[in-house]
Protein backbone atom coordinates (compact mmCIF):
# COMPACT_ATOMS: atom_id res chain seq x y z
CA MET A 1 -93.40 -23.73 -18.29
CA GLN A 2 -93.24 -20.59 -16.19
CA LYS A 3 -89.70 -21.31 -14.96
CA THR A 4 -88.24 -21.68 -18.44
CA LYS A 5 -90.00 -18.51 -19.62
CA ARG A 6 -88.64 -16.69 -16.56
CA LEU A 7 -85.08 -17.98 -17.11
CA LEU A 8 -85.12 -16.90 -20.75
CA ALA A 9 -86.48 -13.47 -19.76
CA ILE A 10 -83.81 -13.04 -17.06
CA GLU A 11 -81.09 -13.97 -19.54
CA LYS A 12 -82.40 -11.49 -22.15
CA ILE A 13 -82.80 -8.62 -19.66
CA ILE A 14 -79.31 -9.11 -18.24
CA SER A 15 -77.83 -9.33 -21.74
CA ASP A 16 -79.59 -6.21 -23.01
CA GLU A 17 -79.49 -3.89 -19.98
CA ASN A 18 -77.27 -2.85 -17.08
CA ILE A 19 -79.05 -4.30 -14.05
CA SER A 20 -77.33 -3.73 -10.73
CA ILE A 21 -79.80 -5.00 -8.11
CA GLN A 22 -82.36 -7.79 -7.88
CA GLU A 23 -85.22 -5.37 -7.16
CA GLU A 24 -84.57 -3.72 -10.53
CA LEU A 25 -84.59 -7.11 -12.24
CA LEU A 26 -87.83 -8.06 -10.47
CA LYS A 27 -89.46 -4.86 -11.80
CA LYS A 28 -88.28 -5.61 -15.36
CA LEU A 29 -89.68 -9.15 -15.09
CA LYS A 30 -92.99 -7.84 -13.76
CA GLY A 31 -93.12 -5.46 -16.74
CA LYS A 32 -92.95 -8.53 -18.97
CA GLY A 33 -95.80 -10.18 -17.06
CA ILE A 34 -93.54 -12.50 -15.06
CA SER A 35 -93.80 -12.45 -11.29
CA CYS A 36 -91.61 -14.27 -8.81
CA THR A 37 -90.20 -13.85 -5.33
CA GLN A 38 -86.74 -12.54 -4.55
CA ALA A 39 -85.75 -16.01 -3.28
CA THR A 40 -86.82 -17.61 -6.57
CA LEU A 41 -84.95 -14.93 -8.52
CA SER A 42 -81.80 -15.63 -6.48
CA ARG A 43 -82.03 -19.36 -7.26
CA ASN A 44 -82.60 -18.61 -10.94
CA LEU A 45 -79.57 -16.31 -11.08
CA ARG A 46 -77.40 -19.06 -9.55
CA GLN A 47 -78.80 -21.62 -12.01
CA LEU A 48 -77.95 -19.35 -14.95
CA GLY A 49 -74.44 -18.73 -13.61
CA VAL A 50 -75.06 -15.00 -13.31
CA GLY A 51 -72.42 -12.99 -11.49
CA ARG A 52 -71.72 -9.35 -10.80
CA ILE A 53 -68.99 -7.48 -12.62
CA PRO A 54 -67.81 -3.84 -12.52
CA ASP A 55 -70.03 -1.59 -14.64
CA GLY A 56 -67.33 0.99 -15.38
CA THR A 57 -68.88 3.68 -13.19
CA GLY A 58 -67.75 2.42 -9.80
CA GLY A 59 -70.76 0.13 -9.37
CA TYR A 60 -71.59 -3.42 -10.34
CA LYS A 61 -73.98 -5.04 -12.80
CA TYR A 62 -75.23 -8.56 -13.39
CA SER A 63 -73.51 -10.53 -16.12
CA LEU A 64 -74.09 -13.94 -17.68
CA SER A 65 -71.41 -16.58 -17.30
CA GLU A 66 -68.67 -16.80 -19.94
CA ASN A 67 -70.20 -20.09 -21.13
CA ILE A 68 -73.43 -18.41 -22.21
CA ARG A 69 -71.99 -15.13 -23.47
CA ASN A 70 -69.32 -16.79 -25.61
CA SER A 71 -71.40 -19.64 -27.04
CA GLU A 72 -72.05 -17.70 -30.27
CA LYS A 73 -68.38 -16.83 -30.83
CA THR A 74 -67.25 -20.37 -30.02
CA SER A 75 -69.77 -22.05 -32.33
CA LEU A 76 -68.65 -19.86 -35.21
CA LYS A 77 -64.99 -20.69 -34.54
CA LEU A 78 -65.73 -24.42 -34.43
CA ASN A 79 -67.83 -24.13 -37.62
CA ILE A 80 -70.40 -26.66 -36.37
CA VAL A 81 -73.51 -25.28 -38.07
CA PRO A 82 -72.53 -26.35 -41.64
CA VAL A 83 -72.46 -30.04 -40.64
CA ILE A 84 -76.11 -30.00 -39.55
CA ARG A 85 -78.50 -31.33 -42.18
CA ASP A 86 -81.90 -31.44 -40.49
CA LEU A 87 -83.87 -30.98 -37.27
CA VAL A 88 -86.73 -33.40 -36.58
CA GLU A 89 -89.27 -33.02 -33.78
CA ALA A 90 -90.50 -36.26 -32.20
CA LYS A 91 -92.83 -36.49 -29.16
CA GLY A 92 -91.25 -33.67 -27.20
CA LEU A 93 -87.72 -34.63 -28.25
CA MET A 94 -85.49 -33.22 -30.97
CA VAL A 95 -83.37 -35.21 -33.41
CA ILE A 96 -80.51 -33.45 -35.16
CA LYS A 97 -79.13 -35.05 -38.32
CA THR A 98 -75.54 -34.25 -39.26
CA ILE A 99 -73.04 -35.17 -41.91
CA PRO A 100 -71.67 -38.65 -41.04
CA GLY A 101 -68.98 -38.56 -38.36
CA ASN A 102 -70.04 -35.20 -36.90
CA ALA A 103 -72.80 -36.03 -34.41
CA SER A 104 -70.52 -36.71 -31.45
CA ASN A 105 -68.63 -33.41 -31.72
CA THR A 106 -71.84 -31.46 -32.20
CA ALA A 107 -73.51 -33.17 -29.21
CA PHE A 108 -70.43 -32.51 -27.09
CA PHE A 109 -70.67 -28.82 -27.99
CA ILE A 110 -74.42 -28.66 -27.20
CA ASP A 111 -73.88 -30.35 -23.82
CA GLY A 112 -70.91 -28.10 -23.09
CA ALA A 113 -73.04 -24.97 -23.54
CA GLY A 114 -74.61 -25.81 -20.18
CA ARG A 115 -78.07 -24.61 -21.15
CA PHE A 116 -80.81 -25.25 -18.60
CA GLU A 117 -83.36 -26.20 -21.28
CA ILE A 118 -81.43 -29.31 -22.36
CA ALA A 119 -81.00 -32.24 -19.97
CA GLY A 120 -78.53 -33.91 -22.33
CA THR A 121 -77.84 -35.46 -25.70
CA ILE A 122 -77.14 -38.91 -27.08
CA ALA A 123 -75.08 -39.09 -30.25
CA GLY A 124 -74.49 -41.70 -32.90
CA ASP A 125 -72.47 -41.26 -36.08
CA ASP A 126 -74.80 -38.82 -37.83
CA THR A 127 -77.74 -38.44 -35.45
CA ILE A 128 -78.18 -36.65 -32.11
CA LEU A 129 -81.09 -37.09 -29.74
CA VAL A 130 -81.64 -33.86 -27.78
CA ILE A 131 -83.50 -34.46 -24.53
CA PRO A 132 -85.16 -31.35 -23.07
CA ARG A 133 -85.82 -30.96 -19.36
CA ASP A 134 -89.35 -31.57 -18.06
CA GLY A 135 -91.69 -28.76 -19.05
CA VAL A 136 -89.46 -27.36 -21.81
CA THR A 137 -91.36 -27.07 -25.08
CA ILE A 138 -90.06 -27.77 -28.58
CA PRO A 139 -90.18 -24.05 -29.50
CA GLN A 140 -88.02 -23.37 -26.44
CA VAL A 141 -85.58 -26.07 -27.61
CA HIS A 142 -85.44 -24.35 -31.02
CA THR A 143 -84.66 -21.02 -29.31
CA CYS A 144 -82.01 -22.68 -27.17
CA LEU A 145 -80.35 -24.32 -30.19
CA GLU A 146 -80.32 -20.98 -32.00
CA ILE A 147 -78.54 -19.45 -28.99
CA ILE A 148 -75.98 -22.28 -28.87
CA LEU A 149 -75.57 -22.59 -32.66
CA PRO A 150 -76.44 -19.23 -34.25
CA GLY A 151 -77.67 -19.71 -37.81
CA ILE A 152 -78.78 -23.32 -37.36
CA HIS A 153 -82.30 -22.67 -38.61
CA GLU A 154 -81.09 -20.72 -41.64
CA GLN A 155 -78.73 -23.62 -42.40
CA ILE A 156 -81.63 -26.08 -42.34
CA LYS A 157 -83.84 -23.85 -44.53
CA SER A 158 -81.08 -23.49 -47.12
CA LYS A 159 -80.78 -27.28 -47.44
CA LYS A 160 -84.50 -27.81 -48.11
C-alpha cells in the first residue's frame, strides 16, 4: 500500500534528519521514489502525531510524538519481549503466542503504541490476534511489531 510505505518513510526521515519545512520533506520523499501532494503530506503528519519542536538553533524541526519515540524505551522497561513465544501469520492476520497470563498486557501495550498499521488486537490468556489495517502487509506488521517491541524477532528465533 502506497500510504503505509509513505507513512513509514516519513517516520524514518523525521527520526533520522532535521526537517524544518514540508517542502524539504516532500523532496526527501521524492528522492525515495514516493510522491504525494502537500495536502496529503499534511494529513499524514497529523495522522503520525508529528509536531514541531525547537531545533536548538532558533528554528523548528519536525518531531514524532512521544508515543512513537518512546515506544522502544517503554517496551524495554516493561520487559514484554521475553514473554512472547511465537509469531504466526494467518491470512493477512498475525497471531502472537505468549506465556500463559501475558497476552492481555502485551496486547494492551501494542494497542497503546498507537501505530497506524494496526487496527487493533484481541487477547486471550496466551494468544493475541493482531488485526492490521486494510492494505497493510504482513511484512509491514513485522516491521511495526519490531518498532513497538524491539528484539521481538530475535526472541522468537532464539526459542526455535
